[in-house]
Every structure is written in C-alpha cells, then in structure tokens.
Amino acid sequence: MPTNVSKVKNQSREISAPTNRMLWGVSAGMCEYRGCSVLLYEHHVTKEKVNLAERAHIYAFSKGGTRFSKDKSRNLINNIDNLMLVCGRCHKLIDNKKIDCSAETLLAMKKEHEERIRLIASIKPNLQNEVIIYNCNIADQGVKIQDDDAFNGIIPDYYPARSSPINLSPALVLFDNEDIFWDVMATDLERRFTKHNDSLDGKPISLFAIAPQPLLFKLGKLFNRHFDVSVRQPQGNISTWRWSNNVQTIEWHISEPLQKEIIDEAVITFEITAQLSDDELLSIFSKHRIYRIIAKNCSPSLIKSKMDLLSFAEEYRKVLNRIRKECNSNVNVSLLPIAPASISIEAGRQLMKGDPKITIYDRDFKTKNWVPTLSF
C-alpha cells in the first residue's frame, strides 16, 4: 500500500501569522518602498479587493540572497524588524543584485514609512483639514504643487480630510500676456470653486496656491473671511510648505501718500518681494494718490508664519480705511502687488462691503509694463 507523504514546509522560512498581521498593521497595507506607497489590498485598475502584498527580507535568509549577513541571527531573520511589506515590482527591484540597495537603506525606508503611518493614525478626528490646491502658469512657466507636499505642509498639526486634495487648477494652457488670459482664467476658477462651495462651508481649509497675482487675489475673494481658511506659503521652495516660525517676523512701513491732493484715483502697493522707486510709480500713476505697504528688508522668502499674514491683513485694512476716509466715495483704486503668493490671497480675503473698486495690475512678462487685469 503506497505511503502518503505530505509536503513538509521549511519551518525556518515560515513567517508566523502574528508577525504577518503586525506587518500589515504597521505598514497600513501600503508598499513600504520609498516613493511607492501603492495599496496592497486593492488592484489599481479594477479596484477589486485582493492581496497583492509580498514580504521582503531586509537581511537575506540564505547565503545566496541579496544583503546576506553572517552576523544576523537565523532566529531573527523572520522577525518583523527584518521584514518589509512591498509590492511585487519593488520586491524584484530591491532583490536585484545589479541595484545598490543596502540593508541600511531599506531599514531607513521601513522606519520612515511606519513612523509616518503611526503619526497620521494618531491625529485626532477634529483636526481634519480640507486641502485646496491651485496652480496656474506664471508668465511662460508652468507650476505644479504636488499633493504630498501640500499634505506634508499640514501634518502633524492637522491631517487631510480626504485622500486627494481638491484641485481648482485650470486644464487650459494659456499665458498671461494673451488678451483672453485674465477673463478666461478668472471665470474658470470661479466655476471650479462653485462646484465645491457648499461642501467646504464651515470646514477648516488649508489653501496652497502658486499663480499670477491677480488670480491669487481672485482666489482670496472667493475664499473670503466667511470661510475658515489657513493660507499657506512656500518656505524656501515649492515643495516645503510647513511654517518656519510661529511668531511675527516682519516689520511694516506704511508710507505717507504721494500726490496728497488727488482724491478720485488711488494706488496701493504691496512691496514685500521687492521695492518700487518713487520715479517708477509716478511715471505710471502721476495723477493718483499713492499708498505704499512696504516690508523692511524685502525678500521673496519673507513670509514665515501665520502671524506675518495676519499682521499684513491688519496693515492692509488700515490703508483701505484711510482711503475710505481721505478720498471720494467713488474713488478707483489700482493695486500693484510685488509680493509672495499668500499676501495677494489674504488681500483678496479682506474685501468688505463698502470698500472701493479695486483693479489689480500685473507686470507683462514680455514688455515689462504694468497692465490692468481684473477688477473687484
């Protein structure tokens, strides 16, 4: 009578069920290879729920394996500290002997991924923020804020309310020296905003935007003071949005108006990134009463905290109130912003009923002339 011989498992290679469960838990079911983070429980095309995970050893199991270490105890090879949950593509990559992927590198990836998951999972539910992104060409240059950069800008103080930000960016390729640019882009922005208006009402919002100054002002007017908005500002480069400071770092100077006798036409300048000369201003606005908000030590990287933005909004409101007091009720105001993105957004948010009509000027990137764009 033939003997039934069952297949004997190599117990030394067997990863225990408790270790497997722990690995799924600490990785949140996402590939732990840096930059991948693909979901391992869902097919990326069909969205079917399926187990796509593979367990990769950091230090190899056997002598022939990649990253073998004779000093690593055999008893610890299948320990959770030596395992990464990865997708099939990343598993093949890290085990390819032609790729320089050291155990130290993989350990660092595992630590980064699992610490990020632990941090996000520990944030309290009442700290949800709706993340809004707006990108638009500046001059002839395209810009793009990455979703992860925006998310990293609010964590650990807040966390995203949804897996992807709400993106209000146009799908159009136009440049700001084209005649139709301002009207088309402003209309497109308002339509995109309107689609989300009701769902955003009453929710905390973190707003990330890079665009020409007039469109930033328009964006701020849409997200007015009735919304709970935290306007963000890049800190050094477009990938870093976490505030550098939590105190006011800017000193402001409000100049006395040039051309004091003019009461029908006024100009406001935001001179924060750079400063304008009196001669340049008077060559364009010789018949205007000119009010200037000037930052001490002008620089593109001057906005370092929420307090800087709040202090600007306070100074801007003082200037608007002065114009309402010192000029005719039907005064027209021309606004020249030379400022970081957050300043123009915050200025748009401050508009109140009874404020004068404001026309935003922008410098044409080809002619270098200041030209009127949008009016509010």
Protein backbone atom coordinates (compact mmCIF):
# COMPACT_ATOMS: atom_id res chain seq x y z
CA MET A 1 0.00 0.00 0.00
CA PRO A 2 1.60 3.34 -1.05
CA THR A 3 2.55 5.68 1.70
CA ASN A 4 1.10 9.21 1.61
CA VAL A 5 3.88 11.66 2.05
CA SER A 6 2.73 15.21 2.76
CA LYS A 7 4.86 18.14 1.72
CA VAL A 8 6.91 19.31 4.66
CA LYS A 9 7.24 23.06 4.99
CA ASN A 10 10.61 24.58 5.64
CA GLN A 11 9.72 25.95 9.05
CA SER A 12 12.78 28.23 9.13
CA ARG A 13 11.34 30.18 6.20
CA GLU A 14 7.81 30.35 7.57
CA ILE A 15 6.65 33.84 8.65
CA SER A 16 4.23 33.43 11.52
CA ALA A 17 0.64 34.61 11.31
CA PRO A 18 1.07 37.10 14.22
CA THR A 19 4.14 38.61 12.52
CA ASN A 20 2.26 38.83 9.23
CA ARG A 21 -0.66 40.63 10.90
CA MET A 22 1.70 43.05 12.64
CA LEU A 23 3.47 43.79 9.35
CA TRP A 24 0.15 44.64 7.68
CA GLY A 25 -0.73 46.85 10.64
CA VAL A 26 2.46 48.91 10.85
CA SER A 27 2.54 49.43 7.06
CA ALA A 28 -1.20 50.20 6.74
CA GLY A 29 -1.34 47.80 3.78
CA MET A 30 0.88 50.05 1.63
CA CYS A 31 4.16 49.29 -0.10
CA GLU A 32 6.96 50.42 2.19
CA TYR A 33 9.47 51.17 -0.57
CA ARG A 34 10.21 54.90 -0.53
CA GLY A 35 8.11 56.79 -3.08
CA CYS A 36 5.79 53.88 -3.92
CA SER A 37 3.10 53.55 -1.21
CA VAL A 38 0.80 51.61 -3.59
CA LEU A 39 -2.18 49.95 -1.90
CA LEU A 40 -1.54 46.22 -1.48
CA TYR A 41 -5.14 45.22 -0.85
CA GLU A 42 -6.69 46.69 -3.99
CA HIS A 43 -5.98 46.31 -7.70
CA HIS A 44 -5.03 49.72 -9.10
CA VAL A 45 -7.22 49.28 -12.23
CA THR A 46 -10.23 47.14 -11.29
CA LYS A 47 -10.34 48.25 -7.61
CA GLU A 48 -11.03 44.65 -6.65
CA LYS A 49 -10.05 43.74 -3.10
CA VAL A 50 -7.13 41.35 -3.48
CA ASN A 51 -3.93 40.60 -1.57
CA LEU A 52 -1.02 41.90 -3.68
CA ALA A 53 1.50 42.03 -0.83
CA GLU A 54 4.88 40.36 -0.71
CA ARG A 55 7.18 40.12 2.30
CA ALA A 56 10.74 41.19 1.60
CA HIS A 57 13.66 40.33 3.87
CA ILE A 58 15.97 43.23 4.63
CA TYR A 59 18.82 40.93 5.61
CA ALA A 60 18.71 37.88 3.34
CA PHE A 61 17.56 34.46 4.50
CA SER A 62 20.38 32.49 2.90
CA LYS A 63 23.97 32.93 1.75
CA GLY A 64 22.98 33.32 -1.88
CA GLY A 65 20.49 36.08 -1.14
CA THR A 66 20.96 39.81 -1.56
CA ARG A 67 22.15 41.53 1.64
CA PHE A 68 23.16 38.32 3.42
CA SER A 69 24.82 38.89 6.78
CA LYS A 70 26.58 36.12 8.63
CA ASP A 71 26.23 38.19 11.81
CA LYS A 72 22.46 38.25 11.61
CA SER A 73 21.00 35.50 13.79
CA ARG A 74 18.94 32.92 11.90
CA ASN A 75 16.34 33.20 14.68
CA LEU A 76 15.75 36.87 13.83
CA ILE A 77 15.51 36.64 10.03
CA ASN A 78 11.71 36.37 10.10
CA ASN A 79 11.30 38.94 12.85
CA ILE A 80 9.09 41.93 11.92
CA ASP A 81 12.11 44.24 12.25
CA ASN A 82 13.69 42.44 9.27
CA LEU A 83 10.61 42.43 7.04
CA MET A 84 9.01 44.95 4.71
CA LEU A 85 5.58 44.72 3.13
CA VAL A 86 6.08 45.58 -0.54
CA CYS A 87 4.51 45.23 -3.97
CA GLY A 88 5.87 42.73 -6.48
CA ARG A 89 7.70 45.33 -8.57
CA CYS A 90 9.52 46.82 -5.59
CA HIS A 91 10.37 43.34 -4.28
CA LYS A 92 12.08 42.49 -7.56
CA LEU A 93 13.89 45.82 -7.52
CA ILE A 94 15.37 45.50 -4.04
CA ASP A 95 16.44 41.88 -4.67
CA ASN A 96 18.13 42.73 -7.97
CA LYS A 97 21.86 42.34 -7.37
CA LYS A 98 22.58 44.98 -10.01
CA ILE A 99 20.77 47.59 -7.88
CA ASP A 100 22.68 49.10 -4.98
CA CYS A 101 20.05 48.73 -2.28
CA SER A 102 21.71 48.19 1.08
CA ALA A 103 20.12 46.86 4.25
CA GLU A 104 20.71 50.27 5.86
CA THR A 105 18.73 51.96 3.06
CA LEU A 106 15.81 49.54 3.42
CA LEU A 107 15.80 49.89 7.20
CA ALA A 108 15.57 53.67 6.76
CA MET A 109 12.67 53.29 4.30
CA LYS A 110 10.83 50.97 6.69
CA LYS A 111 11.32 53.37 9.60
CA GLU A 112 10.15 56.43 7.61
CA HIS A 113 7.05 54.69 6.29
CA GLU A 114 5.96 53.17 9.61
CA GLU A 115 6.60 56.38 11.58
CA ARG A 116 4.52 58.33 9.06
CA ILE A 117 1.64 55.85 9.36
CA ARG A 118 1.82 55.97 13.16
CA LEU A 119 1.83 59.79 13.13
CA ILE A 120 -1.15 60.13 10.80
CA ALA A 121 -3.16 57.46 12.63
CA SER A 122 -2.61 59.21 15.98
CA ILE A 123 -4.07 62.58 14.89
CA LYS A 124 -7.46 63.33 16.42
CA PRO A 125 -10.55 63.44 14.13
CA ASN A 126 -11.38 67.10 14.93
CA LEU A 127 -8.13 68.17 13.25
CA GLN A 128 -9.29 67.36 9.73
CA ASN A 129 -8.46 69.97 7.08
CA GLU A 130 -9.75 70.26 3.54
CA VAL A 131 -6.64 70.71 1.40
CA ILE A 132 -7.12 73.01 -1.62
CA ILE A 133 -4.53 73.38 -4.39
CA TYR A 134 -4.47 75.98 -7.15
CA ASN A 135 -1.74 76.07 -9.83
CA CYS A 136 -1.65 78.40 -12.82
CA ASN A 137 1.08 79.38 -15.29
CA ILE A 138 3.19 82.35 -14.24
CA ALA A 139 4.48 84.22 -17.30
CA ASP A 140 5.51 81.40 -19.65
CA GLN A 141 6.40 78.96 -16.86
CA GLY A 142 4.23 76.09 -15.70
CA VAL A 143 4.00 75.35 -11.98
CA LYS A 144 2.64 72.40 -10.03
CA ILE A 145 2.15 71.88 -6.32
CA GLN A 146 2.42 68.17 -5.51
CA ASP A 147 -0.32 66.56 -3.42
CA ASP A 148 2.17 65.05 -0.97
CA ASP A 149 3.92 68.39 -0.49
CA ALA A 150 0.61 70.00 0.47
CA PHE A 151 -0.24 67.15 2.85
CA ASN A 152 3.19 67.34 4.47
CA GLY A 153 2.63 71.07 4.94
CA ILE A 154 -0.18 70.48 7.46
CA ILE A 155 0.96 67.29 9.20
CA PRO A 156 1.36 66.80 12.21
CA ASP A 157 -0.79 69.76 13.30
CA TYR A 158 -3.66 68.70 11.04
CA TYR A 159 -4.40 65.90 8.63
CA PRO A 160 -6.15 65.73 5.24
CA ALA A 161 -9.89 65.20 5.22
CA ARG A 162 -9.67 63.12 2.04
CA SER A 163 -7.10 61.01 0.19
CA SER A 164 -6.56 63.62 -2.56
CA PRO A 165 -6.71 67.42 -2.34
CA ILE A 166 -9.41 69.45 -4.03
CA ASN A 167 -7.65 70.88 -7.07
CA LEU A 168 -9.02 74.09 -8.60
CA SER A 169 -6.26 74.38 -11.22
CA PRO A 170 -7.23 75.13 -14.83
CA ALA A 171 -6.93 72.49 -17.54
CA LEU A 172 -6.15 75.24 -20.04
CA VAL A 173 -2.74 76.18 -21.45
CA LEU A 174 -2.71 79.98 -21.67
CA PHE A 175 -0.09 82.58 -20.78
CA ASP A 176 -0.66 85.88 -19.01
CA ASN A 177 0.36 88.08 -21.94
CA GLU A 178 -2.55 86.76 -24.03
CA ASP A 179 -5.56 89.07 -24.30
CA ILE A 180 -8.09 86.47 -23.14
CA PHE A 181 -5.99 85.11 -20.28
CA TRP A 182 -7.39 87.03 -17.30
CA ASP A 183 -11.10 86.76 -18.06
CA VAL A 184 -10.89 83.11 -19.07
CA MET A 185 -8.82 82.07 -16.05
CA ALA A 186 -10.92 84.06 -13.59
CA THR A 187 -14.15 82.53 -14.95
CA ASP A 188 -12.64 79.03 -14.89
CA LEU A 189 -11.53 79.47 -11.27
CA GLU A 190 -14.95 80.70 -10.15
CA ARG A 191 -16.71 77.78 -11.84
CA ARG A 192 -14.39 75.24 -10.22
CA PHE A 193 -14.82 76.89 -6.84
CA THR A 194 -18.63 76.90 -7.17
CA LYS A 195 -18.65 73.10 -7.57
CA HIS A 196 -17.17 72.72 -4.06
CA ASN A 197 -18.63 75.78 -2.33
CA ASP A 198 -21.38 74.02 -0.37
CA SER A 199 -19.18 71.08 0.69
CA LEU A 200 -16.49 73.43 2.07
CA ASP A 201 -18.77 75.68 4.08
CA GLY A 202 -17.96 75.50 7.79
CA LYS A 203 -14.90 73.25 7.34
CA PRO A 204 -11.29 74.16 8.17
CA ILE A 205 -9.35 74.69 4.93
CA SER A 206 -5.63 74.77 4.13
CA LEU A 207 -5.05 76.67 0.88
CA PHE A 208 -1.96 76.13 -1.29
CA ALA A 209 -1.56 78.26 -4.42
CA ILE A 210 1.01 79.40 -6.96
CA ALA A 211 -0.36 81.67 -9.72
CA PRO A 212 -0.17 85.21 -11.14
CA GLN A 213 -1.02 87.84 -8.52
CA PRO A 214 -4.44 88.91 -9.93
CA LEU A 215 -5.69 85.31 -9.88
CA LEU A 216 -4.41 84.88 -6.33
CA PHE A 217 -6.44 87.94 -5.34
CA LYS A 218 -9.46 86.40 -7.09
CA LEU A 219 -8.86 83.14 -5.20
CA GLY A 220 -8.77 85.06 -1.91
CA LYS A 221 -12.01 86.87 -2.73
CA LEU A 222 -13.71 83.51 -3.33
CA PHE A 223 -12.35 82.10 -0.05
CA ASN A 224 -13.43 85.19 1.83
CA ARG A 225 -13.47 85.77 5.57
CA HIS A 226 -16.63 83.68 5.98
CA PHE A 227 -14.51 80.56 5.33
CA ASP A 228 -12.16 79.08 7.92
CA VAL A 229 -9.03 79.30 5.75
CA SER A 230 -5.36 78.93 6.56
CA VAL A 231 -3.45 80.40 3.61
CA ARG A 232 -0.08 78.68 3.15
CA GLN A 233 3.20 80.00 1.78
CA PRO A 234 6.20 78.03 0.39
CA GLN A 235 9.17 78.15 2.72
CA GLY A 236 12.23 78.37 0.51
CA ASN A 237 10.95 76.17 -2.33
CA ILE A 238 7.66 74.94 -3.76
CA SER A 239 7.94 71.55 -2.02
CA THR A 240 8.17 72.94 1.55
CA TRP A 241 5.00 74.49 3.00
CA ARG A 242 5.32 73.97 6.76
CA TRP A 243 5.65 77.31 8.52
CA SER A 244 9.21 78.21 9.53
CA ASN A 245 8.04 80.14 12.58
CA ASN A 246 5.04 80.74 14.82
CA VAL A 247 5.60 84.43 15.60
CA GLN A 248 5.51 87.64 13.57
CA THR A 249 8.85 88.20 11.85
CA ILE A 250 8.08 91.17 9.56
CA GLU A 251 8.22 94.89 10.26
CA TRP A 252 5.89 97.01 8.12
CA HIS A 253 6.20 100.58 6.91
CA ILE A 254 3.17 102.48 5.60
CA SER A 255 4.39 105.47 3.61
CA GLU A 256 2.53 108.76 3.60
CA PRO A 257 0.60 109.13 0.33
CA LEU A 258 2.33 110.65 -2.64
CA GLN A 259 0.25 113.26 -4.53
CA LYS A 260 -1.86 114.08 -1.48
CA GLU A 261 -4.22 116.40 -3.32
CA ILE A 262 -5.61 113.61 -5.58
CA ILE A 263 -8.87 112.24 -4.16
CA ASP A 264 -10.55 110.47 -7.14
CA GLU A 265 -7.80 107.97 -8.05
CA ALA A 266 -5.66 105.98 -5.61
CA VAL A 267 -2.95 103.34 -5.74
CA ILE A 268 -1.97 100.70 -3.17
CA THR A 269 1.34 98.89 -3.49
CA PHE A 270 2.43 95.70 -1.72
CA GLU A 271 6.23 95.96 -1.72
CA ILE A 272 7.33 92.77 0.00
CA THR A 273 9.29 90.73 -2.53
CA ALA A 274 10.97 93.89 -3.85
CA GLN A 275 10.58 97.66 -3.59
CA LEU A 276 9.47 100.12 -6.28
CA SER A 277 11.06 103.51 -6.80
CA ASP A 278 9.12 106.76 -6.50
CA ASP A 279 10.08 107.60 -10.08
CA GLU A 280 8.62 104.36 -11.46
CA LEU A 281 5.37 104.81 -9.56
CA LEU A 282 4.94 108.44 -10.59
CA SER A 283 5.72 107.63 -14.21
CA ILE A 284 2.68 105.31 -14.28
CA PHE A 285 0.37 106.94 -11.74
CA SER A 286 1.17 110.64 -11.82
CA LYS A 287 -2.49 111.51 -11.21
CA HIS A 288 -3.08 109.08 -8.37
CA ARG A 289 -2.82 109.27 -4.59
CA ILE A 290 -0.32 106.51 -3.77
CA TYR A 291 -0.35 104.43 -0.56
CA ARG A 292 2.53 102.00 -0.07
CA ILE A 293 2.76 98.98 2.26
CA ILE A 294 6.48 98.22 2.42
CA ALA A 295 8.21 95.40 4.26
CA LYS A 296 11.53 96.03 5.93
CA ASN A 297 14.25 94.00 4.15
CA CYS A 298 12.18 92.98 1.11
CA SER A 299 12.64 89.34 0.06
CA PRO A 300 10.67 86.57 -1.73
CA SER A 301 11.01 84.40 1.40
CA LEU A 302 9.80 86.97 3.92
CA ILE A 303 6.51 85.31 4.96
CA LYS A 304 7.50 82.75 7.59
CA SER A 305 4.41 82.42 9.79
CA LYS A 306 0.67 82.76 10.00
CA MET A 307 1.28 85.77 12.23
CA ASP A 308 3.10 87.51 9.36
CA LEU A 309 -0.01 87.13 7.21
CA LEU A 310 -2.32 88.35 9.97
CA SER A 311 -0.13 91.40 10.56
CA PHE A 312 -0.21 92.20 6.84
CA ALA A 313 -4.00 91.91 6.76
CA GLU A 314 -4.20 94.37 9.64
CA GLU A 315 -1.99 96.93 7.87
CA TYR A 316 -3.88 96.48 4.59
CA ARG A 317 -7.20 97.10 6.33
CA LYS A 318 -5.80 100.31 7.85
CA VAL A 319 -4.86 101.54 4.37
CA LEU A 320 -8.29 100.69 2.95
CA ASN A 321 -9.92 102.53 5.82
CA ARG A 322 -7.70 105.58 5.20
CA ILE A 323 -8.72 105.62 1.54
CA ARG A 324 -12.40 105.46 2.51
CA LYS A 325 -11.81 108.40 4.83
CA GLU A 326 -9.43 110.53 2.75
CA CYS A 327 -10.77 110.01 -0.80
CA ASN A 328 -14.09 110.40 -2.57
CA SER A 329 -16.68 107.67 -2.06
CA ASN A 330 -16.40 106.67 -5.72
CA VAL A 331 -12.59 106.52 -5.72
CA ASN A 332 -10.97 103.94 -8.01
CA VAL A 333 -8.04 102.03 -6.54
CA SER A 334 -5.24 100.46 -8.58
CA LEU A 335 -3.34 97.69 -6.77
CA LEU A 336 0.27 96.76 -7.58
CA PRO A 337 1.31 93.60 -5.72
CA ILE A 338 5.01 92.72 -5.61
CA ALA A 339 4.53 90.05 -3.01
CA PRO A 340 4.57 86.33 -2.12
CA ALA A 341 1.51 84.35 -3.16
CA SER A 342 -0.05 84.24 0.30
CA ILE A 343 -0.14 88.06 0.56
CA SER A 344 -2.31 88.54 -2.54
CA ILE A 345 -4.64 85.72 -1.44
CA GLU A 346 -5.00 87.27 2.01
CA ALA A 347 -5.63 90.70 0.44
CA GLY A 348 -8.47 89.24 -1.63
CA ARG A 349 -9.98 87.70 1.51
CA GLN A 350 -10.12 91.06 3.26
CA LEU A 351 -12.50 92.82 0.85
CA MET A 352 -15.58 94.19 2.58
CA LYS A 353 -18.85 95.74 1.52
CA GLY A 354 -18.20 99.45 1.12
CA ASP A 355 -14.56 99.10 0.06
CA PRO A 356 -13.64 100.97 -3.15
CA LYS A 357 -13.44 99.31 -6.53
CA ILE A 358 -10.00 97.70 -6.92
CA THR A 359 -8.22 96.92 -10.19
CA ILE A 360 -5.23 94.58 -9.94
CA TYR A 361 -2.21 95.37 -12.08
CA ASP A 362 0.30 92.81 -13.32
CA ARG A 363 3.69 93.26 -14.97
CA ASP A 364 3.66 91.87 -18.53
CA PHE A 365 6.50 89.36 -18.72
CA LYS A 366 7.44 90.42 -22.26
CA THR A 367 7.03 94.21 -22.28
CA LYS A 368 7.73 94.63 -18.52
CA ASN A 369 4.91 97.20 -18.42
CA TRP A 370 2.32 97.28 -15.65
CA VAL A 371 -1.11 96.49 -17.13
CA PRO A 372 -4.62 96.44 -15.57
CA THR A 373 -6.14 92.94 -15.34
CA LEU A 374 -9.07 92.05 -13.08
CA SER A 375 -11.37 94.44 -11.18
CA PHE A 376 -13.27 93.72 -7.97
